[in-house]
């Protein structure tokens, strides 16, 4: 994961695992969590809400620090930035794409 996503692709953002409770990985929850962190994920996602699994998952992850903490802070900052949304403009763009198969030339700010 890390070699491909960070190395070859050059992605520098926060990497989050898929939901560990979906059983795509086998083994105890702590081992699953340790595996995704070792593979290069910054955050291990656990969604089902079973407290015993949440505790086991938490035991398998280190506290965020260094580059992972910086990536987390950047991701949080992005989600806090409120951007205006023009519903009518978005619907017009959607209709154009559905009708024409593409958008006409627009400035980057309007897309």
N, C-alpha and C. Protein backbone atom coordinates (compact mmCIF):
# COMPACT_ATOMS: atom_id res chain seq x y z
N UNK A 1 0.83 -1.19 0.00
CA UNK A 1 0.00 0.00 0.00
C UNK A 1 0.87 1.25 0.00
N UNK A 2 1.75 1.33 0.96
CA UNK A 2 2.58 2.53 1.10
C UNK A 2 3.47 2.74 -0.11
N UNK A 3 4.13 1.68 -0.59
CA UNK A 3 5.02 1.81 -1.74
C UNK A 3 4.27 2.26 -2.98
N UNK A 4 3.09 1.72 -3.18
CA UNK A 4 2.33 2.05 -4.38
C UNK A 4 1.65 3.41 -4.24
N UNK A 5 0.87 3.59 -3.18
CA UNK A 5 0.08 4.81 -3.06
C UNK A 5 0.94 6.03 -2.78
N UNK A 6 1.85 5.91 -1.86
CA UNK A 6 2.70 7.06 -1.52
C UNK A 6 3.87 7.18 -2.49
N UNK A 7 4.49 6.05 -2.85
CA UNK A 7 5.67 6.06 -3.71
C UNK A 7 5.36 6.26 -5.17
N UNK A 8 4.71 5.27 -5.78
CA UNK A 8 4.46 5.32 -7.22
C UNK A 8 3.43 6.37 -7.62
N UNK A 9 2.33 6.44 -6.88
CA UNK A 9 1.28 7.40 -7.22
C UNK A 9 1.61 8.80 -6.69
N UNK A 10 2.31 8.86 -5.56
CA UNK A 10 2.70 10.14 -4.99
C UNK A 10 1.63 10.78 -4.13
N UNK A 11 0.67 9.99 -3.63
CA UNK A 11 -0.39 10.54 -2.79
C UNK A 11 0.17 10.93 -1.44
N UNK A 12 -0.08 12.16 -1.02
CA UNK A 12 0.45 12.66 0.24
C UNK A 12 -0.61 12.94 1.28
N UNK A 13 -1.84 12.52 1.03
CA UNK A 13 -2.93 12.79 1.97
C UNK A 13 -3.09 11.68 2.99
N UNK A 14 -4.12 11.81 3.79
CA UNK A 14 -4.44 10.85 4.84
C UNK A 14 -4.95 9.56 4.21
N UNK A 15 -4.37 8.44 4.61
CA UNK A 15 -4.81 7.13 4.14
C UNK A 15 -5.60 6.44 5.24
N UNK A 16 -6.83 6.05 4.91
CA UNK A 16 -7.71 5.38 5.86
C UNK A 16 -8.06 4.00 5.32
N UNK A 17 -8.06 3.02 6.20
CA UNK A 17 -8.42 1.67 5.79
C UNK A 17 -9.92 1.59 5.49
N UNK A 18 -10.32 0.51 4.87
CA UNK A 18 -11.73 0.19 4.76
C UNK A 18 -12.19 -0.25 6.15
N UNK A 19 -13.47 -0.44 6.34
CA UNK A 19 -14.02 -0.87 7.62
C UNK A 19 -13.49 -2.25 7.99
N UNK A 20 -12.74 -2.31 9.07
CA UNK A 20 -12.13 -3.57 9.50
C UNK A 20 -13.16 -4.59 9.97
N UNK A 21 -14.35 -4.15 10.33
CA UNK A 21 -15.37 -5.09 10.80
C UNK A 21 -16.10 -5.78 9.66
N UNK A 22 -15.76 -5.47 8.42
CA UNK A 22 -16.41 -6.10 7.27
C UNK A 22 -15.76 -7.44 6.91
N UNK A 23 -14.71 -7.82 7.61
CA UNK A 23 -14.05 -9.12 7.47
C UNK A 23 -13.33 -9.34 6.14
N UNK A 24 -12.91 -8.26 5.49
CA UNK A 24 -12.06 -8.43 4.30
C UNK A 24 -10.70 -8.97 4.72
N UNK A 25 -10.30 -8.65 5.94
CA UNK A 25 -9.08 -9.21 6.53
C UNK A 25 -9.47 -10.24 7.57
N UNK A 26 -8.65 -11.26 7.73
CA UNK A 26 -8.95 -12.28 8.73
C UNK A 26 -8.12 -12.03 9.98
N UNK A 27 -8.46 -12.76 11.03
CA UNK A 27 -7.71 -12.66 12.26
C UNK A 27 -8.40 -11.80 13.29
N UNK A 28 -7.81 -11.75 14.47
CA UNK A 28 -8.37 -10.91 15.54
C UNK A 28 -8.34 -9.43 15.14
N UNK A 29 -9.23 -8.67 15.72
CA UNK A 29 -9.35 -7.25 15.35
C UNK A 29 -8.04 -6.50 15.55
N UNK A 30 -7.35 -6.75 16.64
CA UNK A 30 -6.08 -6.06 16.87
C UNK A 30 -5.09 -6.36 15.75
N UNK A 31 -5.01 -7.61 15.32
CA UNK A 31 -4.09 -7.99 14.24
C UNK A 31 -4.48 -7.32 12.93
N UNK A 32 -5.78 -7.22 12.65
CA UNK A 32 -6.23 -6.53 11.44
C UNK A 32 -5.79 -5.08 11.46
N UNK A 33 -5.97 -4.46 12.62
CA UNK A 33 -5.60 -3.06 12.77
C UNK A 33 -4.10 -2.87 12.59
N UNK A 34 -3.32 -3.72 13.23
CA UNK A 34 -1.87 -3.64 13.08
C UNK A 34 -1.45 -3.84 11.62
N UNK A 35 -2.16 -4.71 10.91
CA UNK A 35 -1.83 -4.98 9.51
C UNK A 35 -2.04 -3.76 8.62
N UNK A 36 -3.16 -3.06 8.80
CA UNK A 36 -3.41 -1.91 7.93
C UNK A 36 -2.46 -0.76 8.26
N UNK A 37 -2.10 -0.62 9.52
CA UNK A 37 -1.13 0.42 9.89
C UNK A 37 0.24 0.07 9.31
N UNK A 38 0.64 -1.20 9.42
CA UNK A 38 1.93 -1.64 8.87
C UNK A 38 1.97 -1.49 7.36
N UNK A 39 0.80 -1.60 6.71
CA UNK A 39 0.74 -1.47 5.25
C UNK A 39 0.82 -0.01 4.80
N UNK A 40 0.73 0.93 5.75
CA UNK A 40 0.88 2.33 5.38
C UNK A 40 -0.33 3.21 5.63
N UNK A 41 -1.42 2.64 6.14
CA UNK A 41 -2.58 3.48 6.46
C UNK A 41 -2.27 4.33 7.69
N UNK A 42 -2.81 5.54 7.69
CA UNK A 42 -2.65 6.41 8.86
C UNK A 42 -3.73 6.13 9.90
N UNK A 43 -4.91 5.75 9.42
CA UNK A 43 -6.08 5.57 10.27
C UNK A 43 -6.71 4.22 9.95
N UNK A 44 -7.09 3.49 10.99
CA UNK A 44 -7.81 2.23 10.83
C UNK A 44 -9.28 2.48 11.13
N UNK A 45 -10.14 2.18 10.19
CA UNK A 45 -11.57 2.45 10.32
C UNK A 45 -12.29 1.23 10.86
N UNK A 46 -13.06 1.43 11.94
CA UNK A 46 -13.88 0.37 12.52
C UNK A 46 -15.27 0.93 12.71
N UNK A 47 -16.28 0.28 12.13
CA UNK A 47 -17.60 0.91 12.07
C UNK A 47 -18.74 0.22 12.81
N UNK A 48 -18.64 -1.03 13.20
CA UNK A 48 -19.84 -1.71 13.67
C UNK A 48 -20.28 -1.33 15.08
N UNK A 49 -19.43 -0.71 15.86
CA UNK A 49 -19.82 -0.22 17.17
C UNK A 49 -19.75 -1.24 18.30
N UNK A 50 -19.24 -2.44 18.05
CA UNK A 50 -19.09 -3.40 19.14
C UNK A 50 -17.89 -2.97 19.98
N UNK A 51 -18.18 -2.67 21.25
CA UNK A 51 -17.15 -2.10 22.12
C UNK A 51 -15.93 -3.00 22.26
N UNK A 52 -16.12 -4.31 22.35
CA UNK A 52 -14.95 -5.20 22.50
C UNK A 52 -14.05 -5.12 21.27
N UNK A 53 -14.64 -5.03 20.07
CA UNK A 53 -13.84 -4.89 18.86
C UNK A 53 -13.19 -3.52 18.79
N UNK A 54 -13.90 -2.50 19.23
CA UNK A 54 -13.32 -1.14 19.20
C UNK A 54 -12.11 -1.06 20.11
N UNK A 55 -12.21 -1.69 21.28
CA UNK A 55 -11.06 -1.70 22.20
C UNK A 55 -9.87 -2.44 21.58
N UNK A 56 -10.15 -3.60 20.98
CA UNK A 56 -9.07 -4.38 20.36
C UNK A 56 -8.43 -3.60 19.21
N UNK A 57 -9.26 -2.92 18.42
CA UNK A 57 -8.73 -2.11 17.32
C UNK A 57 -7.86 -0.99 17.86
N UNK A 58 -8.32 -0.34 18.92
CA UNK A 58 -7.57 0.78 19.50
C UNK A 58 -6.22 0.31 20.04
N UNK A 59 -6.16 -0.91 20.56
CA UNK A 59 -4.90 -1.44 21.07
C UNK A 59 -3.88 -1.66 19.96
N UNK A 60 -4.35 -1.79 18.72
CA UNK A 60 -3.46 -2.08 17.61
C UNK A 60 -2.94 -0.88 16.86
N UNK A 61 -3.33 0.31 17.28
CA UNK A 61 -2.86 1.50 16.56
C UNK A 61 -2.05 2.40 17.48
N UNK A 62 -0.97 2.95 16.96
CA UNK A 62 -0.21 3.92 17.75
C UNK A 62 -0.92 5.28 17.72
N UNK A 63 -0.58 6.14 18.64
CA UNK A 63 -1.10 7.51 18.59
C UNK A 63 -0.57 8.19 17.33
N UNK A 64 -1.39 9.02 16.73
CA UNK A 64 -0.93 9.75 15.55
C UNK A 64 0.24 10.65 15.93
N UNK A 65 1.27 10.62 15.10
CA UNK A 65 2.42 11.50 15.34
C UNK A 65 3.13 11.71 14.01
N UNK A 66 4.01 12.67 13.99
CA UNK A 66 4.84 12.93 12.82
C UNK A 66 4.03 13.19 11.57
N UNK A 67 4.45 12.63 10.43
CA UNK A 67 3.76 12.88 9.16
C UNK A 67 2.29 12.46 9.17
N UNK A 68 1.96 11.36 9.86
CA UNK A 68 0.56 10.91 9.92
C UNK A 68 -0.30 11.96 10.61
N UNK A 69 0.21 12.55 11.67
CA UNK A 69 -0.54 13.58 12.38
C UNK A 69 -0.70 14.82 11.51
N UNK A 70 0.32 15.16 10.75
CA UNK A 70 0.24 16.31 9.84
C UNK A 70 -0.80 16.06 8.75
N UNK A 71 -0.83 14.84 8.20
CA UNK A 71 -1.83 14.50 7.18
C UNK A 71 -3.24 14.56 7.76
N UNK A 72 -3.39 14.09 8.99
CA UNK A 72 -4.69 14.14 9.67
C UNK A 72 -5.14 15.59 9.86
N UNK A 73 -4.24 16.44 10.30
CA UNK A 73 -4.57 17.86 10.50
C UNK A 73 -4.98 18.52 9.19
N UNK A 74 -4.28 18.20 8.09
CA UNK A 74 -4.65 18.76 6.78
C UNK A 74 -6.03 18.27 6.36
N UNK A 75 -6.32 16.99 6.58
CA UNK A 75 -7.63 16.44 6.21
C UNK A 75 -8.73 17.12 7.02
N UNK A 76 -8.49 17.34 8.30
CA UNK A 76 -9.49 18.01 9.14
C UNK A 76 -9.71 19.44 8.69
N UNK A 77 -8.65 20.12 8.32
CA UNK A 77 -8.77 21.51 7.86
C UNK A 77 -9.60 21.60 6.59
N UNK A 78 -9.42 20.64 5.69
CA UNK A 78 -10.20 20.63 4.45
C UNK A 78 -11.68 20.46 4.74
N UNK A 79 -12.00 19.57 5.67
CA UNK A 79 -13.41 19.30 5.95
C UNK A 79 -14.07 20.46 6.68
N UNK A 80 -13.29 21.33 7.28
CA UNK A 80 -13.86 22.48 7.99
C UNK A 80 -14.05 23.69 7.08
N UNK A 81 -13.49 23.63 5.89
CA UNK A 81 -13.61 24.74 4.96
C UNK A 81 -14.96 24.68 4.27
N UNK A 82 -15.76 25.69 4.51
CA UNK A 82 -17.10 25.74 3.91
C UNK A 82 -17.00 26.43 2.57
N UNK A 83 -17.48 25.77 1.56
CA UNK A 83 -17.49 26.35 0.23
C UNK A 83 -18.94 26.60 -0.17
N UNK A 84 -19.14 27.67 -0.90
CA UNK A 84 -20.50 27.97 -1.34
C UNK A 84 -20.93 26.92 -2.36
N UNK A 85 -22.22 26.67 -2.39
CA UNK A 85 -22.77 25.70 -3.33
C UNK A 85 -23.99 26.31 -3.97
N UNK A 86 -23.95 26.41 -5.27
CA UNK A 86 -25.07 26.96 -6.03
C UNK A 86 -25.81 25.78 -6.65
N UNK A 87 -26.93 25.43 -6.04
CA UNK A 87 -27.70 24.27 -6.49
C UNK A 87 -28.14 24.41 -7.94
N UNK A 88 -28.65 25.58 -8.30
CA UNK A 88 -29.13 25.80 -9.67
C UNK A 88 -27.99 25.62 -10.67
N UNK A 89 -26.81 26.15 -10.34
CA UNK A 89 -25.65 26.01 -11.23
C UNK A 89 -25.24 24.54 -11.35
N UNK A 90 -25.25 23.82 -10.23
CA UNK A 90 -24.88 22.41 -10.26
C UNK A 90 -25.86 21.59 -11.10
N UNK A 91 -27.15 21.88 -10.96
CA UNK A 91 -28.15 21.17 -11.76
C UNK A 91 -27.99 21.49 -13.24
N UNK A 92 -27.69 22.74 -13.55
CA UNK A 92 -27.47 23.12 -14.95
C UNK A 92 -26.26 22.39 -15.52
N UNK A 93 -25.19 22.27 -14.72
CA UNK A 93 -24.00 21.55 -15.17
C UNK A 93 -24.32 20.07 -15.39
N UNK A 94 -25.09 19.49 -14.48
CA UNK A 94 -25.47 18.09 -14.62
C UNK A 94 -26.29 17.89 -15.89
N UNK A 95 -27.25 18.76 -16.11
CA UNK A 95 -28.08 18.65 -17.31
C UNK A 95 -27.23 18.76 -18.58
N UNK A 96 -26.24 19.66 -18.56
CA UNK A 96 -25.36 19.81 -19.72
C UNK A 96 -24.55 18.53 -19.97
N UNK A 97 -24.02 17.96 -18.91
CA UNK A 97 -23.25 16.72 -19.05
C UNK A 97 -24.14 15.61 -19.59
N UNK A 98 -25.34 15.50 -19.06
CA UNK A 98 -26.25 14.45 -19.52
C UNK A 98 -26.66 14.66 -20.98
N UNK A 99 -26.83 15.90 -21.36
CA UNK A 99 -27.25 16.22 -22.72
C UNK A 99 -26.09 16.15 -23.71
N UNK A 100 -24.95 16.75 -23.36
CA UNK A 100 -23.82 16.91 -24.28
C UNK A 100 -22.73 15.85 -24.09
N UNK A 101 -22.71 15.23 -22.93
CA UNK A 101 -21.65 14.27 -22.65
C UNK A 101 -20.39 14.91 -22.11
N UNK A 102 -20.39 16.24 -21.98
CA UNK A 102 -19.22 16.96 -21.47
C UNK A 102 -19.66 18.35 -21.02
N UNK A 103 -18.81 19.01 -20.25
CA UNK A 103 -19.06 20.39 -19.85
C UNK A 103 -18.39 21.33 -20.83
N UNK A 104 -19.01 22.47 -21.08
CA UNK A 104 -18.36 23.48 -21.90
C UNK A 104 -17.21 24.07 -21.10
N UNK A 105 -16.31 24.77 -21.77
CA UNK A 105 -15.13 25.34 -21.11
C UNK A 105 -15.57 26.26 -19.99
N UNK A 106 -15.00 26.04 -18.80
CA UNK A 106 -15.33 26.86 -17.64
C UNK A 106 -14.06 27.15 -16.86
N UNK A 107 -14.14 28.19 -16.06
CA UNK A 107 -12.99 28.51 -15.22
C UNK A 107 -12.91 27.47 -14.10
N UNK A 108 -11.71 27.20 -13.56
CA UNK A 108 -11.57 26.23 -12.48
C UNK A 108 -12.40 26.58 -11.26
N UNK A 109 -12.65 27.87 -11.02
CA UNK A 109 -13.42 28.26 -9.85
C UNK A 109 -14.87 27.81 -9.94
N UNK A 110 -15.39 27.68 -11.14
CA UNK A 110 -16.80 27.34 -11.27
C UNK A 110 -17.05 25.84 -11.33
N UNK A 111 -16.00 25.06 -11.35
CA UNK A 111 -16.18 23.61 -11.43
C UNK A 111 -16.07 23.01 -10.05
